[in-house]
Amino acid sequence: MSAVPPEFWAFVLASALIELTPGPNMAWLAIVGATEGRRPAYAAVAGVALGLAVIGLAAALGVAALVTTSPALYSGLRWGGVVYLLWLAWDSWRDVDGEAEARIAGRRLALYFRRGLVTNLLNPKAAVFYVAVLPGFTSPALPALPQTLTLTAAYVAVATLIHAAIATLAGLARRVLDDPRRSRILRKTLALALAGVAFWFAWSTAGTAAP
């Protein structure tokens, strides 16, 4: 029996629309691509993809439901994500003197991979999506677990393609930022934007968990 539900392509479209909505991943990947280049941005994209896959697997096994039904767990993840985004904004703001360029390339890639992973593991909205939205696209006539895993893989693939496109476009913009003054202005502007996203994230995730 096929594990692909009839609503598969509707789910793919919904996933694309959700990922095209501005949010923490989009803002942060734009900063990394525009200020550090495409390779670090692609490493960040890989970390984001792994984070989404881990949360999707947790949802398939029923673990993520604990987050969405426990106010304490949800609030802890939510505020952890807000603080982490604010820290990333601060790190981007202060790193304007060429520190990033002086790092060893391998360490830089690992650093941005880890940051992408942590950003998504601390995002309770991903757990809510998998628990509250994804099941609506499954069919009761088919086994639940294979469908959930299939839709999770589709969501991660859609999200990764969109994130990679953002990283690529932002990386291309870096070519016009050879001037240190312009690069510094853009970095600080994007850092402020990411801080704004952190506050928006705190507001938009308030009260999402079940009481």
Foldseek 3Di string as FASTA:
>chain_A
DDLAFPCQVVLLVVLLVVLPPDALLLLLLLLCLQQPNLLLSLLLLLLLLVLLLVLLVCVLVPNLLCCQADPVNVVVLLVVLLVLLLVSLVVLLPPQPCPSVPDDPVVSSVVSSNSSNSNSNSQNVSSCCLNPPQVVRHDPVDDDNSNSSVSSVSSSVSSSVVSSVSSVVSNVNNVVVPDSVSSNVVSNVSSVVSNVSSVVSSVVSPPSGHD
